[in-house]
Protein backbone atom coordinates (compact mmCIF):
# COMPACT_ATOMS: atom_id res chain seq x y z
CA MET A 1 0.05 0.05 -0.05
CA ALA A 2 1.28 3.46 -0.98
CA GLU A 3 2.37 5.68 1.91
CA LEU A 4 -0.37 8.19 2.30
CA LYS A 5 -0.49 10.89 5.00
CA PRO A 6 -3.31 13.11 5.92
CA PHE A 7 -3.01 16.84 5.32
CA PRO A 8 -2.35 19.09 8.44
CA TYR A 9 -5.98 20.24 8.72
CA GLN A 10 -7.11 16.64 8.40
CA ASN A 11 -4.91 15.78 11.47
CA GLU A 12 -6.62 18.52 13.46
CA GLY A 13 -9.99 16.99 12.45
CA ILE A 14 -8.66 13.61 13.56
CA GLU A 15 -7.66 15.07 16.99
CA TYR A 16 -11.05 16.71 17.33
CA GLY A 17 -12.78 13.40 16.51
CA LEU A 18 -10.70 11.46 19.14
CA LYS A 19 -11.59 14.09 21.68
CA ASN A 20 -15.26 14.53 21.07
CA LYS A 21 -16.12 10.87 19.74
CA ARG A 22 -19.71 11.58 18.77
CA PHE A 23 -19.65 14.62 16.29
CA ILE A 24 -20.58 16.10 13.00
CA LEU A 25 -17.69 16.33 10.51
CA GLY A 26 -18.92 19.23 8.31
CA ASP A 27 -15.98 20.01 6.04
CA GLU A 28 -16.84 21.31 2.57
CA PRO A 29 -17.03 18.69 -0.15
CA GLY A 30 -13.69 17.72 -1.40
CA LEU A 31 -11.70 18.23 1.85
CA GLY A 32 -11.43 14.49 2.58
CA LYS A 33 -14.06 13.68 5.21
CA SER A 34 -13.50 10.00 4.59
CA CYS A 35 -9.76 10.25 5.47
CA VAL A 36 -10.55 12.06 8.77
CA SER A 37 -13.18 9.62 9.79
CA ILE A 38 -11.19 6.48 8.85
CA HIS A 39 -8.09 7.71 10.81
CA THR A 40 -10.24 8.56 13.84
CA VAL A 41 -11.56 5.03 13.95
CA LEU A 42 -8.06 3.75 13.28
CA LYS A 43 -6.38 5.76 16.05
CA SER A 44 -9.22 4.86 18.57
CA ASN A 45 -9.19 1.19 17.40
CA SER A 46 -12.94 1.23 17.39
CA PHE A 47 -13.61 -1.98 15.41
CA PRO A 48 -15.72 -3.39 14.03
CA CYS A 49 -16.80 -0.25 12.21
CA LEU A 50 -20.08 0.17 10.34
CA VAL A 51 -20.21 2.73 7.44
CA ILE A 52 -23.79 3.96 6.38
CA CYS A 53 -23.65 5.78 3.07
CA PRO A 54 -25.54 6.34 -0.17
CA ALA A 55 -25.59 3.26 -2.59
CA SER A 56 -23.41 5.05 -5.14
CA LEU A 57 -20.64 5.58 -2.56
CA LYS A 58 -20.28 1.96 -1.22
CA LEU A 59 -17.43 1.10 -3.65
CA ASN A 60 -15.65 4.30 -2.93
CA TRP A 61 -15.78 3.79 0.81
CA GLN A 62 -14.41 0.32 0.42
CA ARG A 63 -11.64 1.73 -1.66
CA GLU A 64 -10.82 4.53 0.80
CA TRP A 65 -10.57 2.08 3.62
CA HIS A 66 -8.26 -0.11 1.58
CA MET A 67 -6.18 2.93 0.39
CA TRP A 68 -5.74 4.46 3.92
CA SER A 69 -5.28 1.25 5.97
CA ASP A 70 -4.76 -2.41 5.98
CA ARG A 71 -8.18 -3.17 7.34
CA LYS A 72 -10.54 -5.30 5.41
CA ALA A 73 -13.71 -3.58 4.42
CA MET A 74 -16.75 -5.68 3.28
CA ILE A 75 -19.84 -4.38 1.40
CA LEU A 76 -23.01 -5.94 2.68
CA ASN A 77 -24.95 -7.65 -0.25
CA ASP A 78 -27.18 -10.53 -0.92
CA ALA A 79 -24.36 -13.05 -0.97
CA ASN A 80 -23.32 -12.27 2.64
CA ARG A 81 -26.69 -11.28 3.94
CA HIS A 82 -26.84 -14.09 6.51
CA SER A 83 -23.10 -14.39 7.20
CA TRP A 84 -21.49 -11.01 7.27
CA TRP A 85 -21.40 -10.81 11.01
CA MET A 86 -19.29 -13.97 11.04
CA PHE A 87 -16.41 -12.23 9.23
CA ALA A 88 -16.03 -9.88 12.28
CA LYS A 89 -15.46 -12.97 14.61
CA PRO A 90 -12.64 -15.25 13.46
CA GLU A 91 -13.67 -17.99 15.88
CA LEU A 92 -17.08 -18.21 14.29
CA ASN A 93 -16.00 -17.71 10.66
CA PRO A 94 -16.50 -20.72 8.59
CA PHE A 95 -14.38 -19.27 5.80
CA GLY A 96 -11.12 -19.19 7.85
CA THR A 97 -9.15 -16.46 9.58
CA GLY A 98 -8.05 -15.03 6.27
CA ALA A 99 -11.60 -13.94 5.54
CA LYS A 100 -11.82 -11.53 8.61
CA ALA A 101 -13.39 -8.11 8.04
CA ASP A 102 -13.13 -5.00 10.23
CA VAL A 103 -15.36 -2.60 8.46
CA PHE A 104 -18.90 -3.29 6.97
CA ILE A 105 -20.39 -0.99 4.56
CA VAL A 106 -24.19 -0.68 4.00
CA ASN A 107 -26.38 1.76 2.01
CA TYR A 108 -29.34 3.72 3.69
CA GLU A 109 -31.97 1.81 1.84
CA SER A 110 -30.69 -1.59 3.16
CA LEU A 111 -30.70 -0.83 6.81
CA LYS A 112 -33.78 -2.65 7.36
CA LYS A 113 -32.78 -5.73 5.37
CA TYR A 114 -29.51 -6.22 7.47
CA PHE A 115 -30.27 -4.85 10.85
CA VAL A 116 -33.99 -4.88 11.69
CA GLN A 117 -35.52 -8.03 12.99
CA ASP A 118 -39.12 -6.87 13.45
CA ILE A 119 -41.38 -3.68 13.38
CA ALA A 120 -44.45 -3.92 15.58
CA ARG A 121 -47.79 -2.69 14.09
CA GLY A 122 -48.93 0.68 14.59
CA GLU A 123 -47.13 3.99 14.64
CA LEU A 124 -43.59 3.79 13.40
CA LYS A 125 -41.61 4.62 16.63
CA LEU A 126 -38.12 3.54 17.80
CA SER A 127 -39.67 1.60 20.61
CA ASN A 128 -41.61 -0.59 18.08
CA ILE A 129 -38.41 -1.49 16.25
CA THR A 130 -36.62 -4.79 17.19
CA PHE A 131 -33.03 -4.74 15.88
CA ARG A 132 -30.98 -7.79 15.12
CA PRO A 133 -28.47 -8.61 17.96
CA GLN A 134 -25.47 -8.29 15.69
CA ILE A 135 -25.73 -4.55 15.85
CA SER A 136 -24.05 -4.66 19.16
CA MET A 137 -20.76 -5.74 17.88
CA PHE A 138 -20.07 -2.37 16.28
CA LYS A 139 -17.67 -0.14 18.26
CA SER A 140 -18.07 2.82 15.79
CA VAL A 141 -20.37 4.06 13.10
CA ILE A 142 -19.57 6.44 10.23
CA ILE A 143 -22.75 8.02 8.62
CA ASP A 144 -21.90 9.65 5.31
CA GLU A 145 -24.11 12.23 3.70
CA ALA A 146 -25.77 12.49 7.08
CA HIS A 147 -28.10 15.42 6.08
CA ARG A 148 -30.22 12.60 4.53
CA LEU A 149 -31.29 11.88 8.07
CA LYS A 150 -32.58 15.43 8.82
CA ASP A 151 -36.19 14.31 9.12
CA PRO A 152 -36.45 12.31 12.26
CA SER A 153 -39.82 10.92 11.22
CA THR A 154 -38.33 8.62 8.37
CA GLN A 155 -37.63 5.04 8.60
CA GLN A 156 -33.96 5.55 7.73
CA SER A 157 -33.54 8.11 10.55
CA LYS A 158 -35.04 5.77 13.07
CA PHE A 159 -33.17 2.84 12.02
CA ALA A 160 -29.90 4.72 12.16
CA LYS A 161 -30.75 6.03 15.52
CA GLY A 162 -31.34 2.46 16.82
CA ILE A 163 -28.18 1.15 15.21
CA VAL A 164 -25.78 3.78 16.56
CA ASN A 165 -27.38 3.71 20.09
CA GLY A 166 -24.59 3.39 22.59
CA LYS A 167 -21.64 3.29 20.22
CA ASP A 168 -18.36 4.64 21.37
CA PHE A 169 -17.77 6.67 18.23
CA ILE A 170 -20.53 8.23 16.00
CA LEU A 171 -19.16 10.18 13.10
CA ALA A 172 -21.86 12.11 11.08
CA LEU A 173 -20.32 13.35 7.75
CA THR A 174 -22.02 16.11 5.75
CA GLY A 175 -20.94 19.04 3.56
CA THR A 176 -24.36 20.51 3.96
CA PRO A 177 -25.27 20.24 7.79
CA ILE A 178 -28.03 22.86 7.37
CA VAL A 179 -30.05 22.35 4.17
CA ASN A 180 -32.96 24.55 5.02
CA THR A 181 -32.92 25.81 8.72
CA GLN A 182 -31.27 24.96 11.99
CA GLU A 183 -34.15 22.56 12.45
CA ASP A 184 -32.15 20.21 10.13
CA LEU A 185 -29.70 19.70 13.08
CA VAL A 186 -32.15 18.30 15.53
CA SER A 187 -32.38 14.85 13.99
CA ILE A 188 -28.74 14.46 13.33
CA LEU A 189 -27.79 15.77 16.89
CA GLY A 190 -30.34 13.20 18.27
CA ILE A 191 -28.78 10.29 16.27
CA ILE A 192 -25.32 11.13 17.52
CA ASP A 193 -26.70 11.43 21.07
CA ARG A 194 -25.82 15.13 21.37
CA LEU A 195 -29.07 16.83 22.02
CA LYS A 196 -28.70 16.72 25.70
CA ASP A 197 -25.87 19.08 25.29
CA PHE A 198 -28.46 21.65 23.94
CA GLY A 199 -31.15 20.80 26.70
CA GLY A 200 -33.09 18.29 24.56
CA ALA A 201 -34.99 18.67 21.31
CA SER A 202 -37.70 21.09 22.91
CA MET A 203 -35.01 23.37 24.35
CA PHE A 204 -33.09 23.43 21.13
CA ARG A 205 -36.15 24.45 19.20
CA ALA A 206 -37.10 27.07 21.67
CA LYS A 207 -33.69 28.60 21.91
CA TRP A 208 -31.58 27.99 18.73
CA LEU A 209 -34.11 28.42 15.88
CA ASP A 210 -33.90 32.21 16.16
CA LYS A 211 -31.62 33.57 13.32
CA SER A 212 -30.10 36.10 15.80
CA LYS A 213 -28.81 33.09 17.66
CA LEU A 214 -26.84 31.71 14.68
CA SER A 215 -23.38 32.85 15.78
CA GLU A 216 -23.92 31.59 19.37
CA LEU A 217 -25.09 28.24 18.10
CA GLY A 218 -22.12 27.98 15.93
CA GLU A 219 -19.87 28.42 18.91
CA LYS A 220 -21.77 26.05 21.03
CA LEU A 221 -21.67 23.37 18.30
CA LYS A 222 -17.89 23.62 17.80
CA GLU A 223 -17.30 23.30 21.64
CA THR A 224 -19.31 20.13 21.74
CA CYS A 225 -19.70 18.14 18.56
CA PHE A 226 -19.22 20.11 15.20
CA ILE A 227 -16.04 20.78 13.21
CA ARG A 228 -16.18 22.53 9.69
CA ARG A 229 -13.48 23.70 7.50
CA ARG A 230 -13.80 25.64 4.24
CA LYS A 231 -11.49 25.20 1.25
CA SER A 232 -10.52 28.68 1.41
CA GLU A 233 -9.26 28.23 5.02
CA VAL A 234 -6.93 25.28 4.33
CA LEU A 235 -5.66 26.10 0.82
CA LYS A 236 -2.14 26.30 2.22
CA ASP A 237 -2.27 22.67 2.95
CA LEU A 238 -3.55 21.64 -0.43
CA PRO A 239 -1.79 20.80 -3.75
CA ALA A 240 -2.82 22.66 -7.00
CA LYS A 241 -4.77 19.55 -8.09
CA LEU A 242 -6.19 16.69 -6.03
CA ARG A 243 -7.07 13.62 -8.20
CA SER A 244 -9.43 10.95 -6.92
CA ILE A 245 -10.98 7.82 -8.40
CA PHE A 246 -14.75 7.27 -8.03
CA PRO A 247 -15.49 3.37 -8.48
CA THR A 248 -18.87 3.12 -9.93
CA GLU A 249 -21.44 0.18 -10.41
CA LEU A 250 -22.87 0.36 -13.88
CA SER A 251 -26.58 0.48 -14.33
CA ASN A 252 -26.27 -1.57 -17.50
CA GLN A 253 -24.01 -4.21 -16.31
CA GLU A 254 -25.67 -6.96 -18.31
CA GLU A 255 -25.15 -5.08 -21.55
CA TYR A 256 -21.44 -4.52 -20.74
CA ASP A 257 -20.89 -8.19 -19.98
CA ILE A 258 -22.39 -9.25 -23.31
CA ALA A 259 -20.11 -6.80 -25.16
CA LEU A 260 -17.19 -7.92 -22.95
CA ASN A 261 -17.74 -11.59 -23.99
CA ASP A 262 -17.80 -10.49 -27.68
CA LEU A 263 -14.43 -8.82 -27.12
CA LYS A 264 -13.02 -11.87 -25.52
CA LYS A 265 -13.91 -14.03 -28.52
CA TYR A 266 -12.14 -11.62 -30.88
CA LEU A 267 -9.01 -11.86 -28.59
CA VAL A 268 -9.14 -15.66 -28.39
CA GLU A 269 -9.43 -15.95 -32.12
CA TYR A 270 -6.61 -13.41 -32.48
CA LYS A 271 -4.32 -15.64 -30.46
CA GLN A 272 -5.05 -18.66 -32.60
CA LYS A 273 -4.55 -17.04 -35.94
CA THR A 274 -1.31 -17.67 -37.83
CA ASP A 275 -2.51 -15.80 -40.92
CA ALA A 276 -1.10 -12.14 -40.59
CA GLU A 277 -4.07 -10.61 -42.53
CA ALA A 278 -6.66 -12.54 -40.58
CA ALA A 279 -5.06 -11.46 -37.39
CA ARG A 280 -5.03 -7.80 -38.41
CA LEU A 281 -8.64 -7.86 -39.16
CA LEU A 282 -9.44 -9.50 -35.80
CA ARG A 283 -7.33 -7.00 -34.08
CA MET A 284 -9.28 -4.18 -35.77
CA LYS A 285 -12.49 -5.72 -34.71
CA ALA A 286 -11.27 -6.03 -31.11
CA LEU A 287 -10.20 -2.36 -31.00
CA LEU A 288 -13.66 -1.29 -32.31
CA GLN A 289 -15.28 -3.50 -29.63
CA ILE A 290 -13.10 -1.73 -26.90
CA GLY A 291 -14.51 1.57 -28.08
CA ILE A 292 -17.92 0.16 -27.83
CA LEU A 293 -17.23 -1.07 -24.22
CA LYS A 294 -16.01 2.45 -23.34
CA GLY A 295 -19.41 3.83 -24.41
CA ILE A 296 -21.41 1.29 -22.59
CA SER A 297 -19.54 1.98 -19.41
CA ALA A 298 -20.13 5.84 -19.91
CA ARG A 299 -23.82 5.28 -20.24
CA GLY A 300 -23.85 3.07 -17.20
CA LYS A 301 -22.24 5.68 -14.96
CA ILE A 302 -24.68 8.51 -15.75
CA ASP A 303 -26.93 7.76 -12.71
CA THR A 304 -24.15 7.87 -10.26
CA VAL A 305 -22.72 10.97 -11.98
CA VAL A 306 -26.01 12.77 -11.57
CA GLU A 307 -26.33 11.83 -7.94
CA HIS A 308 -22.71 13.10 -7.35
CA VAL A 309 -23.46 16.35 -9.04
CA ASN A 310 -26.61 16.89 -6.99
CA GLU A 311 -24.66 16.57 -3.84
CA VAL A 312 -21.87 18.96 -5.00
CA THR A 313 -24.40 21.61 -6.16
CA LYS A 314 -26.53 21.20 -3.10
CA ALA A 315 -23.45 22.20 -1.10
CA GLY A 316 -23.24 25.38 -3.15
CA GLU A 317 -20.29 24.39 -5.41
CA LYS A 318 -20.15 24.60 -9.18
CA ILE A 319 -18.97 21.56 -11.20
CA VAL A 320 -17.58 20.92 -14.73
CA LEU A 321 -18.32 17.59 -16.39
CA PHE A 322 -16.21 16.25 -19.22
CA CYS A 323 -17.49 13.40 -21.58
CA HIS A 324 -16.75 12.30 -25.19
CA LEU A 325 -19.91 10.77 -26.63
CA ARG A 326 -22.63 12.98 -27.73
CA GLU A 327 -25.31 10.78 -26.23
CA VAL A 328 -23.73 10.93 -22.83
CA GLY A 329 -23.64 14.82 -22.99
CA THR A 330 -27.25 14.75 -24.14
CA ALA A 331 -28.21 12.45 -21.22
CA LEU A 332 -26.53 14.70 -18.67
CA LYS A 333 -28.22 17.79 -20.22
CA GLU A 334 -31.55 16.06 -19.71
CA ALA A 335 -30.72 15.54 -16.11
CA PHE A 336 -29.53 19.21 -15.68
CA PRO A 337 -31.61 21.30 -18.12
CA ASP A 338 -30.12 24.60 -16.92
CA ALA A 339 -26.47 23.46 -17.49
CA CYS A 340 -24.08 25.39 -19.63
CA VAL A 341 -22.88 23.25 -22.63
CA ILE A 342 -19.65 23.43 -24.56
CA ARG A 343 -19.46 20.85 -27.43
CA GLY A 344 -18.16 20.29 -30.85
CA GLY A 345 -20.12 21.95 -33.63
CA MET A 346 -21.36 24.96 -31.61
CA ALA A 347 -21.06 28.45 -33.08
CA GLY A 348 -18.25 30.48 -31.40
CA HIS A 349 -20.68 32.96 -30.02
CA MET A 350 -22.84 30.32 -28.52
CA LYS A 351 -19.89 28.65 -26.90
CA GLN A 352 -18.63 31.91 -25.39
CA ALA A 353 -22.22 32.75 -24.06
CA ASN A 354 -22.12 29.43 -22.22
CA ILE A 355 -18.60 30.04 -20.85
CA ASP A 356 -19.60 33.61 -19.66
CA ARG A 357 -22.83 32.43 -18.01
CA PHE A 358 -20.99 29.53 -16.10
CA GLN A 359 -18.24 32.10 -15.04
CA ASN A 360 -20.46 35.00 -14.09
CA ASP A 361 -23.95 33.65 -13.17
CA PRO A 362 -24.18 32.34 -9.59
CA GLU A 363 -27.23 30.23 -10.60
CA ALA A 364 -25.25 28.48 -13.35
CA MET A 365 -23.96 25.46 -11.29
CA VAL A 366 -23.08 22.86 -13.93
CA CYS A 367 -21.15 22.87 -17.23
CA ILE A 368 -21.16 19.91 -19.50
CA CYS A 369 -18.11 19.78 -21.86
CA SER A 370 -16.96 17.87 -24.75
CA ILE A 371 -13.28 16.75 -23.93
CA LYS A 372 -12.08 17.83 -27.39
CA ALA A 373 -14.21 21.01 -27.76
CA ALA A 374 -13.38 22.38 -24.28
CA GLY A 375 -9.81 21.07 -23.89
CA VAL A 376 -7.99 24.31 -24.83
CA GLY A 377 -8.55 28.02 -25.10
CA ILE A 378 -11.24 28.47 -22.47
CA THR A 379 -11.34 29.35 -18.86
CA LEU A 380 -13.86 27.76 -16.35
CA THR A 381 -12.24 28.86 -13.08
CA ALA A 382 -15.68 29.51 -11.50
CA SER A 383 -15.41 25.91 -10.53
CA SER A 384 -12.78 24.05 -8.71
CA ARG A 385 -14.50 20.74 -9.32
CA VAL A 386 -13.86 18.62 -12.51
CA SER A 387 -15.32 15.28 -13.03
CA TYR A 388 -14.79 12.90 -15.94
CA VAL A 389 -17.60 10.59 -17.10
CA GLU A 390 -15.37 9.19 -19.87
CA LEU A 391 -11.58 8.99 -20.50
CA PRO A 392 -9.77 10.18 -23.61
CA TRP A 393 -6.94 8.22 -25.15
CA HIS A 394 -4.39 11.02 -24.70
CA PRO A 395 -2.85 12.02 -21.33
CA ALA A 396 -2.50 15.67 -22.64
CA ASP A 397 -6.30 15.80 -22.94
CA LEU A 398 -6.58 15.13 -19.15
CA GLU A 399 -4.04 17.80 -18.35
CA GLN A 400 -5.56 20.33 -20.62
CA THR A 401 -9.21 19.75 -19.48
CA GLU A 402 -8.15 19.71 -15.88
CA ASP A 403 -6.46 23.07 -16.43
CA ARG A 404 -9.72 24.79 -17.77
CA CYS A 405 -10.48 25.05 -13.82
CA HIS A 406 -6.76 25.69 -12.77
CA ARG A 407 -5.09 28.66 -14.23
CA ILE A 408 -1.63 30.25 -13.35
CA GLY A 409 -2.12 32.44 -10.40
CA GLN A 410 -5.36 30.97 -9.20
CA LYS A 411 -5.59 30.70 -5.43
CA ASP A 412 -7.59 27.50 -5.23
CA SER A 413 -7.15 23.82 -5.37
CA VAL A 414 -8.88 21.92 -8.27
CA GLN A 415 -10.44 18.52 -7.32
CA CYS A 416 -10.45 16.16 -10.29
CA THR A 417 -12.85 13.10 -9.97
CA TYR A 418 -12.53 10.19 -12.34
CA PHE A 419 -15.68 7.85 -12.52
CA LEU A 420 -14.34 4.46 -13.35
CA GLY A 421 -16.78 1.50 -14.00
CA LYS A 422 -16.05 -1.39 -11.54
CA GLY A 423 -14.39 -4.19 -13.33
CA THR A 424 -14.42 -2.48 -16.61
CA ILE A 425 -11.71 -1.40 -19.01
CA ASP A 426 -12.00 2.20 -17.60
CA ASN A 427 -9.48 1.08 -15.00
CA HIS A 428 -6.96 -0.20 -17.45
CA ILE A 429 -7.25 2.97 -19.47
CA TYR A 430 -6.82 5.17 -16.47
CA GLN A 431 -3.83 3.27 -15.27
CA ILE A 432 -2.05 3.45 -18.69
CA ILE A 433 -2.92 7.16 -19.20
CA ASP A 434 -1.80 8.04 -15.69
CA ARG A 435 1.53 6.36 -16.26
CA LYS A 436 1.93 8.34 -19.36
CA ARG A 437 1.24 11.77 -17.88
CA GLU A 438 4.85 12.42 -16.86
CA ILE A 439 6.49 11.22 -20.07
CA ALA A 440 7.35 14.26 -22.06
CA ASN A 441 7.80 12.80 -25.39
CA LEU A 442 4.32 11.25 -25.31
CA VAL A 443 2.68 14.36 -24.05
CA THR A 444 4.29 16.47 -26.71
CA GLY A 445 4.38 13.98 -29.48
CA ASP A 446 1.99 13.39 -32.51
CA VAL A 447 -1.45 12.98 -31.22
CA ASN A 448 -2.55 10.18 -33.37
CA GLU A 449 0.62 8.24 -32.76
CA ILE A 450 0.27 8.57 -28.96
CA GLU A 451 -3.37 7.53 -29.08
CA VAL A 452 -2.40 4.39 -31.11
CA LYS A 453 0.40 3.51 -28.71
CA ILE A 454 -2.04 3.70 -25.70
CA GLN A 455 -4.65 1.56 -27.53
CA ASN A 456 -2.07 -0.95 -28.51
CA GLU A 457 -0.85 -1.23 -24.94
CA LEU A 458 -4.47 -1.70 -23.76
CA PHE A 459 -4.96 -4.41 -26.44
CA ASP A 460 -1.91 -6.20 -25.35
CA LEU A 461 -3.03 -6.04 -21.63
CA LEU A 462 -6.41 -7.41 -22.48
CA LEU A 463 -4.87 -10.10 -24.54
CA LYS A 464 -2.90 -11.36 -21.50
CA GLU A 465 -6.10 -11.73 -19.50
CA VAL A 466 -7.85 -14.25 -21.97
């Protein structure tokens, strides 16, 4: 595992977490709340740990745990529904000690499936819910996107409250702790067992909902159970660019698998051919199929990308999305009708109008860009968030598109997020391109030659796997 170290401000957050134990980590999106929470659990040795998060973030949380630690993180699914808890207890684990897990990851919608034994008829109250005894094993719980629990009357809020009850460490992560009013805090404070610090729910509502009390409420929260840093406050600790991978489940996995089997057939036939011309034709077919797989993967990531964009914009941040296929850009535009668009074939004045609106209009939160059409010559510094739905074949295209939001003299850190389909060729392509970033002769060489080299390297890599 690569040697990774938290930034100084993250270490401050870890120390705050170790001291306060049950708290809200409200750092702005992009500042690494997962790193802070993981290290808080690691340093307190509060295992087993449960992570509750949106479905689209389960793979990312598993990756974060494996990136920052040597602890095994398991995603709860139908395959382990009746055995997951055994992995936390080696003496009961029928799969052997090598299958031990320390962290268990579940999405909000599945809390009932894995942790609720029975719900008595009548009003949905916490006292009417019987939880499975396995929840007692958890020493810590991380609740990501905790603002989803701002309504205490919902099933998910009640399930979360019952699951975390009595835990040593409860970490509620949210970049938007107050979505509407201070009332949003009541449910989250109740879940992390901190309402008593404010005199209970009734006293909180009576005293702290007054707008004139906001500053005083902020100080009280910081003293007891709330820490929030803005990017502008910690820029000195951040590099010019932060790159992160967002592993993504495909919504069209079956379609991808069918196309992948076709590619494997071409590769197997290619291996068996002795005739050079026949092998050349099969290689061409395989390369075309690789392009098809890229497109299928891109379409299958759209739902997750849309959810991510909604979370970012809800926190008040603008975001730039880069894609290649016209149909992907069209689907994103349908999801965000008010988005600015920069694509090939646009008249120059239309392109500039979209750039100006994104740069100057506070209401213009999303910009959808073609990798080729928006790669050079434009400035999109109104955003410090860049996300890639698809990958190009050339490393320079990534550098150039990232730099649309990062210009010389800019006093900000740009977060570049790459959505890679789980188990797809996205991962191979990213690894190859990432290796090429620093190779000057590739970056400055002939574009077509470089793209062919990368495609050939991918072909040879896939050939070894069949």
